[in-house]
PDB file of N, CA and C in Angstrom:
ATOM      1  N   MET A   1       6.720  -9.425 -20.925  1.00  0.00           N
ATOM      2  CA  MET A   1       7.193  -9.898 -19.373  1.00  0.00           C
ATOM      3  C   MET A   1       5.715  -9.876 -18.865  1.00  0.00           C
ATOM      4  N   ALA A   2       5.545 -11.193 -18.502  1.00  0.00           N
ATOM      5  CA  ALA A   2       4.288 -11.294 -17.925  1.00  0.00           C
ATOM      6  C   ALA A   2       4.530 -11.239 -15.802  1.00  0.00           C
ATOM      7  N   THR A   3       3.485 -10.952 -15.368  1.00  0.00           N
ATOM      8  CA  THR A   3       3.727 -11.294 -13.895  1.00  0.00           C
ATOM      9  C   THR A   3       2.823 -12.072 -13.414  1.00  0.00           C
ATOM     10  N   ASP A   4       3.188 -13.289 -12.587  1.00  0.00           N
ATOM     11  CA  ASP A   4       2.271 -14.053 -12.263  1.00  0.00           C
ATOM     12  C   ASP A   4       1.562 -13.486 -10.815  1.00  0.00           C
ATOM     13  N   LYS A   5       0.384 -13.200 -11.204  1.00  0.00           N
ATOM     14  CA  LYS A   5      -0.404 -12.511 -10.136  1.00  0.00           C
ATOM     15  C   LYS A   5      -0.578 -13.291  -8.788  1.00  0.00           C
ATOM     16  N   ASN A   6      -0.642 -14.576  -8.864  1.00  0.00           N
ATOM     17  CA  ASN A   6      -0.783 -15.407  -7.489  1.00  0.00           C
ATOM     18  C   ASN A   6       0.368 -15.241  -6.468  1.00  0.00           C
ATOM     19  N   VAL A   7       1.776 -15.305  -7.457  1.00  0.00           N
ATOM     20  CA  VAL A   7       2.952 -15.518  -6.691  1.00  0.00           C
ATOM     21  C   VAL A   7       3.190 -13.802  -6.137  1.00  0.00           C
ATOM     22  N   LEU A   8       2.703 -13.212  -6.742  1.00  0.00           N
ATOM     23  CA  LEU A   8       3.031 -11.490  -6.299  1.00  0.00           C
ATOM     24  C   LEU A   8       2.275 -11.296  -5.394  1.00  0.00           C
ATOM     25  N   VAL A   9       0.823 -11.614  -5.231  1.00  0.00           N
ATOM     26  CA  VAL A   9       0.196 -11.531  -3.940  1.00  0.00           C
ATOM     27  C   VAL A   9       0.485 -12.527  -2.824  1.00  0.00           C
ATOM     28  N   LYS A  10       1.177 -13.419  -3.017  1.00  0.00           N
ATOM     29  CA  LYS A  10       1.661 -14.165  -1.942  1.00  0.00           C
ATOM     30  C   LYS A  10       2.887 -13.182  -1.385  1.00  0.00           C
ATOM     31  N   GLY A  11       3.641 -12.898  -2.126  1.00  0.00           N
ATOM     32  CA  GLY A  11       4.990 -11.988  -1.713  1.00  0.00           C
ATOM     33  C   GLY A  11       4.365 -10.685  -0.979  1.00  0.00           C
ATOM     34  N   ILE A  12       3.372 -10.172  -1.677  1.00  0.00           N
ATOM     35  CA  ILE A  12       2.664  -8.892  -0.703  1.00  0.00           C
ATOM     36  C   ILE A  12       2.112  -9.182   0.718  1.00  0.00           C
ATOM     37  N   LYS A  13       1.575 -10.630   0.588  1.00  0.00           N
ATOM     38  CA  LYS A  13       0.769 -11.081   2.177  1.00  0.00           C
ATOM     39  C   LYS A  13       2.325 -11.177   2.871  1.00  0.00           C
ATOM     40  N   LEU A  14       3.320 -11.480   2.636  1.00  0.00           N
ATOM     41  CA  LEU A  14       4.720 -11.780   3.463  1.00  0.00           C
ATOM     42  C   LEU A  14       5.100 -10.478   3.884  1.00  0.00           C
ATOM     43  N   LEU A  15       5.034  -9.568   2.711  1.00  0.00           N
ATOM     44  CA  LEU A  15       5.590  -8.425   3.573  1.00  0.00           C
ATOM     45  C   LEU A  15       4.393  -7.626   4.709  1.00  0.00           C
ATOM     46  N   ALA A  16       3.309  -7.788   4.274  1.00  0.00           N
ATOM     47  CA  ALA A  16       2.097  -7.427   5.141  1.00  0.00           C
ATOM     48  C   ALA A  16       2.346  -8.124   6.336  1.00  0.00           C
ATOM     49  N   GLY A  17       2.720  -9.484   6.507  1.00  0.00           N
ATOM     50  CA  GLY A  17       3.103  -9.942   7.737  1.00  0.00           C
ATOM     51  C   GLY A  17       4.337  -9.509   8.647  1.00  0.00           C
ATOM     52  N   ALA A  18       5.296  -8.875   7.711  1.00  0.00           N
ATOM     53  CA  ALA A  18       6.509  -8.197   8.364  1.00  0.00           C
ATOM     54  C   ALA A  18       6.196  -7.092   8.998  1.00  0.00           C
ATOM     55  N   LEU A  19       5.311  -6.355   8.514  1.00  0.00           N
ATOM     56  CA  LEU A  19       5.228  -5.054   9.064  1.00  0.00           C
ATOM     57  C   LEU A  19       4.464  -4.854  10.448  1.00  0.00           C
ATOM     58  N   PRO A  20       3.996  -5.551  11.006  1.00  0.00           N
ATOM     59  CA  PRO A  20       3.816  -5.597  12.486  1.00  0.00           C
ATOM     60  C   PRO A  20       5.143  -5.813  13.435  1.00  0.00           C
ATOM     61  N   LEU A  21       5.604  -6.891  12.621  1.00  0.00           N
ATOM     62  CA  LEU A  21       7.036  -7.428  13.408  1.00  0.00           C
ATOM     63  C   LEU A  21       8.310  -6.240  13.337  1.00  0.00           C
ATOM     64  N   LEU A  22       8.106  -5.596  12.276  1.00  0.00           N
ATOM     65  CA  LEU A  22       9.184  -4.459  12.208  1.00  0.00           C
ATOM     66  C   LEU A  22       9.010  -3.622  13.254  1.00  0.00           C
ATOM     67  N   PHE A  23       7.927  -3.179  13.777  1.00  0.00           N
ATOM     68  CA  PHE A  23       7.551  -2.171  14.969  1.00  0.00           C
ATOM     69  C   PHE A  23       7.605  -2.987  16.251  1.00  0.00           C
ATOM     70  N   LEU A  24       7.035  -4.219  16.255  1.00  0.00           N
ATOM     71  CA  LEU A  24       7.020  -4.966  17.470  1.00  0.00           C
ATOM     72  C   LEU A  24       8.551  -5.458  17.853  1.00  0.00           C
ATOM     73  N   GLY A  25       9.468  -5.757  16.997  1.00  0.00           N
ATOM     74  CA  GLY A  25      10.725  -6.071  17.915  1.00  0.00           C
ATOM     75  C   GLY A  25      11.393  -4.993  18.560  1.00  0.00           C
ATOM     76  N   PRO A  26      11.711  -4.154  17.630  1.00  0.00           N
ATOM     77  CA  PRO A  26      12.250  -2.667  18.545  1.00  0.00           C
ATOM     78  C   PRO A  26      11.482  -2.444  19.720  1.00  0.00           C
ATOM     79  N   ILE A  27      10.470  -2.607  19.908  1.00  0.00           N
ATOM     80  CA  ILE A  27       9.734  -2.226  21.102  1.00  0.00           C
ATOM     81  C   ILE A  27       9.920  -3.060  22.266  1.00  0.00           C
ATOM     82  N   ILE A  28       9.942  -4.609  21.917  1.00  0.00           N
ATOM     83  CA  ILE A  28      10.192  -5.179  22.892  1.00  0.00           C
ATOM     84  C   ILE A  28      11.695  -5.250  23.343  1.00  0.00           C
ATOM     85  N   ILE A  29      12.749  -4.909  22.321  1.00  0.00           N
ATOM     86  CA  ILE A  29      14.331  -4.748  22.587  1.00  0.00           C
ATOM     87  C   ILE A  29      14.140  -3.275  23.602  1.00  0.00           C
ATOM     88  N   ASN A  30      13.414  -2.643  23.414  1.00  0.00           N
ATOM     89  CA  ASN A  30      13.969  -1.298  24.191  1.00  0.00           C
ATOM     90  C   ASN A  30      13.193  -1.582  25.701  1.00  0.00           C
ATOM     91  N   SER A  31      11.732  -2.251  25.832  1.00  0.00           N
ATOM     92  CA  SER A  31      11.444  -2.691  26.952  1.00  0.00           C
ATOM     93  C   SER A  31      12.185  -3.292  27.603  1.00  0.00           C
ATOM     94  N   ALA A  32      13.168  -4.304  27.226  1.00  0.00           N
ATOM     95  CA  ALA A  32      13.833  -5.122  27.887  1.00  0.00           C
ATOM     96  C   ALA A  32      14.910  -4.265  28.346  1.00  0.00           C
ATOM     97  N   PHE A  33      15.678  -3.379  27.588  1.00  0.00           N
ATOM     98  CA  PHE A  33      16.897  -2.603  28.044  1.00  0.00           C
ATOM     99  C   PHE A  33      16.639  -1.701  29.354  1.00  0.00           C
ATOM    100  N   LYS A  34      14.980  -1.303  28.989  1.00  0.00           N
ATOM    101  CA  LYS A  34      14.500  -0.266  30.445  1.00  0.00           C
ATOM    102  C   LYS A  34      14.343  -1.338  31.657  1.00  0.00           C
ATOM    103  N   ASN A  35      14.242  -2.395  31.777  1.00  0.00           N
ATOM    104  CA  ASN A  35      14.034  -3.289  32.884  1.00  0.00           C
ATOM    105  C   ASN A  35      15.394  -4.224  32.986  1.00  0.00           C
ATOM    106  N   GLU A  36      16.690  -3.779  32.998  1.00  0.00           N
ATOM    107  CA  GLU A  36      17.594  -4.853  32.744  1.00  0.00           C
ATOM    108  C   GLU A  36      17.659  -5.416  34.408  1.00  0.00           C
ATOM    109  N   LYS A  37      17.039  -4.782  35.396  1.00  0.00           N
ATOM    110  CA  LYS A  37      17.311  -5.763  36.661  1.00  0.00           C
ATOM    111  C   LYS A  37      16.052  -6.511  37.052  1.00  0.00           C
ATOM    112  N   ASN A  38      15.156  -6.851  36.040  1.00  0.00           N
ATOM    113  CA  ASN A  38      14.184  -7.625  36.181  1.00  0.00           C
ATOM    114  C   ASN A  38      14.856  -9.184  35.953  1.00  0.00           C
ATOM    115  N   PRO A  39      14.281 -10.307  36.332  1.00  0.00           N
ATOM    116  CA  PRO A  39      14.979 -11.536  36.107  1.00  0.00           C
ATOM    117  C   PRO A  39      14.485 -12.163  34.884  1.00  0.00           C
ATOM    118  N   LEU A  40      13.610 -11.511  34.095  1.00  0.00           N
ATOM    119  CA  LEU A  40      12.932 -12.083  32.963  1.00  0.00           C
ATOM    120  C   LEU A  40      13.467 -11.291  31.751  1.00  0.00           C
ATOM    121  N   TYR A  41      14.819 -10.164  32.365  1.00  0.00           N
ATOM    122  CA  TYR A  41      15.375  -9.367  31.156  1.00  0.00           C
ATOM    123  C   TYR A  41      15.887 -10.297  29.763  1.00  0.00           C
ATOM    124  N   PRO A  42      16.816 -11.398  29.948  1.00  0.00           N
ATOM    125  CA  PRO A  42      17.412 -12.159  29.095  1.00  0.00           C
ATOM    126  C   PRO A  42      16.142 -12.930  28.297  1.00  0.00           C
ATOM    127  N   TYR A  43      15.054 -13.037  28.776  1.00  0.00           N
ATOM    128  CA  TYR A  43      14.042 -14.025  27.853  1.00  0.00           C
ATOM    129  C   TYR A  43      13.350 -12.821  26.891  1.00  0.00           C
ATOM    130  N   VAL A  44      13.411 -11.778  27.702  1.00  0.00           N
ATOM    131  CA  VAL A  44      12.312 -10.366  27.044  1.00  0.00           C
ATOM    132  C   VAL A  44      13.259 -10.193  25.974  1.00  0.00           C
ATOM    133  N   LEU A  45      14.696  -9.991  25.869  1.00  0.00           N
ATOM    134  CA  LEU A  45      15.544  -9.399  24.829  1.00  0.00           C
ATOM    135  C   LEU A  45      15.567 -10.660  23.914  1.00  0.00           C
ATOM    136  N   ALA A  46      15.767 -11.737  24.330  1.00  0.00           N
ATOM    137  CA  ALA A  46      15.796 -12.900  23.435  1.00  0.00           C
ATOM    138  C   ALA A  46      14.518 -12.909  22.440  1.00  0.00           C
ATOM    139  N   LEU A  47      13.305 -12.643  22.977  1.00  0.00           N
ATOM    140  CA  LEU A  47      12.059 -12.555  22.460  1.00  0.00           C
ATOM    141  C   LEU A  47      12.179 -11.504  21.290  1.00  0.00           C
ATOM    142  N   GLY A  48      12.765 -10.184  21.812  1.00  0.00           N
ATOM    143  CA  GLY A  48      12.834  -9.160  20.831  1.00  0.00           C
ATOM    144  C   GLY A  48      13.550  -9.399  19.848  1.00  0.00           C
ATOM    145  N   ILE A  49      14.787 -10.067  19.891  1.00  0.00           N
ATOM    146  CA  ILE A  49      15.633 -10.356  19.121  1.00  0.00           C
ATOM    147  C   ILE A  49      15.159 -11.258  17.931  1.00  0.00           C
ATOM    148  N   ILE A  50      14.361 -12.416  18.363  1.00  0.00           N
ATOM    149  CA  ILE A  50      13.651 -13.222  17.380  1.00  0.00           C
ATOM    150  C   ILE A  50      12.696 -12.682  16.755  1.00  0.00           C
ATOM    151  N   VAL A  51      11.715 -11.686  17.281  1.00  0.00           N
ATOM    152  CA  VAL A  51      10.823 -10.901  16.520  1.00  0.00           C
ATOM    153  C   VAL A  51      11.586 -10.401  15.364  1.00  0.00           C
ATOM    154  N   ALA A  52      12.526  -9.526  15.585  1.00  0.00           N
ATOM    155  CA  ALA A  52      13.373  -8.713  14.599  1.00  0.00           C
ATOM    156  C   ALA A  52      14.075  -9.410  13.480  1.00  0.00           C
ATOM    157  N   ILE A  53      14.582 -10.740  13.641  1.00  0.00           N
ATOM    158  CA  ILE A  53      15.092 -11.726  13.022  1.00  0.00           C
ATOM    159  C   ILE A  53      13.788 -11.991  12.192  1.00  0.00           C
ATOM    160  N   ALA A  54      12.844 -12.353  12.440  1.00  0.00           N
ATOM    161  CA  ALA A  54      11.667 -13.126  12.191  1.00  0.00           C
ATOM    162  C   ALA A  54      11.384 -11.919  10.673  1.00  0.00           C
ATOM    163  N   ALA A  55      10.958 -10.702  11.640  1.00  0.00           N
ATOM    164  CA  ALA A  55      10.672  -9.595  10.310  1.00  0.00           C
ATOM    165  C   ALA A  55      11.607  -9.516   9.187  1.00  0.00           C
ATOM    166  N   MET A  56      12.747  -9.537   9.541  1.00  0.00           N
ATOM    167  CA  MET A  56      13.974  -9.410   8.408  1.00  0.00           C
ATOM    168  C   MET A  56      13.989 -10.546   7.468  1.00  0.00           C
ATOM    169  N   TYR A  57      13.410 -12.088   7.909  1.00  0.00           N
ATOM    170  CA  TYR A  57      13.331 -13.005   6.990  1.00  0.00           C
ATOM    171  C   TYR A  57      12.032 -12.792   6.025  1.00  0.00           C
ATOM    172  N   LEU A  58      11.214 -12.348   6.701  1.00  0.00           N
ATOM    173  CA  LEU A  58      10.110 -12.293   6.060  1.00  0.00           C
ATOM    174  C   LEU A  58       9.931 -11.366   5.135  1.00  0.00           C
ATOM    175  N   ILE A  59      10.489 -10.296   5.117  1.00  0.00           N
ATOM    176  CA  ILE A  59      10.821  -9.251   4.302  1.00  0.00           C
ATOM    177  C   ILE A  59      11.560  -9.637   3.153  1.00  0.00           C
ATOM    178  N   TYR A  60      12.892 -10.577   3.535  1.00  0.00           N
ATOM    179  CA  TYR A  60      13.707 -11.158   2.413  1.00  0.00           C
ATOM    180  C   TYR A  60      12.908 -11.994   1.545  1.00  0.00           C
ATOM    181  N   LYS A  61      12.169 -12.893   2.173  1.00  0.00           N
ATOM    182  CA  LYS A  61      11.258 -13.871   1.291  1.00  0.00           C
ATOM    183  C   LYS A  61      10.016 -13.372   0.503  1.00  0.00           C
ATOM    184  N   GLY A  62       9.730 -12.315   1.185  1.00  0.00           N
ATOM    185  CA  GLY A  62       8.522 -11.363   0.475  1.00  0.00           C
ATOM    186  C   GLY A  62       9.034 -10.718  -0.754  1.00  0.00           C
ATOM    187  N   VAL A  63      10.134 -10.201  -0.634  1.00  0.00           N
ATOM    188  CA  VAL A  63      10.794  -9.523  -1.680  1.00  0.00           C
ATOM    189  C   VAL A  63      11.277 -10.314  -2.833  1.00  0.00           C
ATOM    190  N   ASN A  64      11.893 -11.315  -2.419  1.00  0.00           N
ATOM    191  CA  ASN A  64      12.555 -12.602  -3.270  1.00  0.00           C
ATOM    192  C   ASN A  64      11.214 -13.042  -4.154  1.00  0.00           C
ATOM    193  N   THR A  65      10.140 -13.279  -3.272  1.00  0.00           N
ATOM    194  CA  THR A  65       9.004 -13.757  -4.110  1.00  0.00           C
ATOM    195  C   THR A  65       8.385 -13.180  -4.930  1.00  0.00           C
ATOM    196  N   MET A  66       8.241 -11.490  -4.736  1.00  0.00           N
ATOM    197  CA  MET A  66       7.676 -10.494  -5.808  1.00  0.00           C
ATOM    198  C   MET A  66       8.607 -10.784  -6.738  1.00  0.00           C
ATOM    199  N   VAL A  67      10.089 -10.448  -6.486  1.00  0.00           N
ATOM    200  CA  VAL A  67      10.826 -10.486  -7.930  1.00  0.00           C
ATOM    201  C   VAL A  67      10.836 -11.677  -8.745  1.00  0.00           C
ATOM    202  N   LYS A  68      10.587 -12.656  -8.013  1.00  0.00           N
ATOM    203  CA  LYS A  68      10.168 -14.234  -8.983  1.00  0.00           C
ATOM    204  C   LYS A  68       9.022 -13.982  -9.791  1.00  0.00           C
ATOM    205  N   SER A  69       7.907 -13.572  -9.005  1.00  0.00           N
ATOM    206  CA  SER A  69       6.584 -13.390  -9.990  1.00  0.00           C
ATOM    207  C   SER A  69       6.658 -12.257 -10.861  1.00  0.00           C
ATOM    208  N   MET A  70       7.697 -11.423 -10.992  1.00  0.00           N
ATOM    209  CA  MET A  70       7.775 -10.576 -12.219  1.00  0.00           C
ATOM    210  C   MET A  70       8.743 -11.059 -13.164  1.00  0.00           C
ATOM    211  N   PHE A  71       9.791 -11.799 -12.694  1.00  0.00           N
ATOM    212  CA  PHE A  71      10.933 -12.181 -14.076  1.00  0.00           C
ATOM    213  C   PHE A  71      10.878 -13.682 -14.161  1.00  0.00           C
ATOM    214  N   ASP A  72      10.201 -14.606 -13.624  1.00  0.00           N
ATOM    215  CA  ASP A  72      10.001 -16.246 -13.727  1.00  0.00           C
ATOM    216  C   ASP A  72       8.829 -16.218 -14.620  1.00  0.00           C
ATOM    217  N   GLY A  73       7.983 -15.290 -14.458  1.00  0.00           N
ATOM    218  CA  GLY A  73       6.439 -15.530 -15.223  1.00  0.00           C
ATOM    219  C   GLY A  73       6.680 -15.706 -16.901  1.00  0.00           C
ATOM    220  N   ASP A  74       7.805 -15.499 -17.254  1.00  0.00           N
ATOM    221  CA  ASP A  74       7.668 -15.699 -18.855  1.00  0.00           C
ATOM    222  C   ASP A  74       8.139 -17.159 -19.036  1.00  0.00           C
ATOM    223  N   LYS A  75       8.644 -17.590 -18.053  1.00  0.00           N
ATOM    224  CA  LYS A  75       9.123 -19.203 -18.345  1.00  0.00           C
ATOM    225  C   LYS A  75       7.884 -20.238 -18.372  1.00  0.00           C
ATOM    226  N   ASN A  76       7.045 -19.807 -17.722  1.00  0.00           N
ATOM    227  CA  ASN A  76       5.608 -20.490 -17.754  1.00  0.00           C
ATOM    228  C   ASN A  76       4.830 -20.310 -18.818  1.00  0.00           C
ATOM    229  N   ASN A  77       4.932 -19.172 -19.760  1.00  0.00           N
ATOM    230  CA  ASN A  77       4.299 -19.011 -21.100  1.00  0.00           C
ATOM    231  C   ASN A  77       4.952 -19.657 -22.023  1.00  0.00           C
ATOM    232  N   GLN A  78       6.046 -20.030 -22.346  1.00  0.00           N
ATOM    233  CA  GLN A  78       6.818 -20.448 -23.395  1.00  0.00           C
ATOM    234  C   GLN A  78       6.771 -22.034 -23.682  1.00  0.00           C
TER     235      GLN A  78
END
């Protein structure tokens, strides 16, 4: 079983991009809930939810890319 290192690095970069969003999303959501009387509350909450969903998407794509690099590497060598 051969690993395509270029694809593996791409997956690691996606996971590294998701890491700050994993912390930023809940912080923004928590900040929105602390300031419910603020007129910008729905917009800040929506931003936090979008950031959290983006983090989940990047994790999915990163893990999926890493798995492809490990198991689809043999197809290129045959």
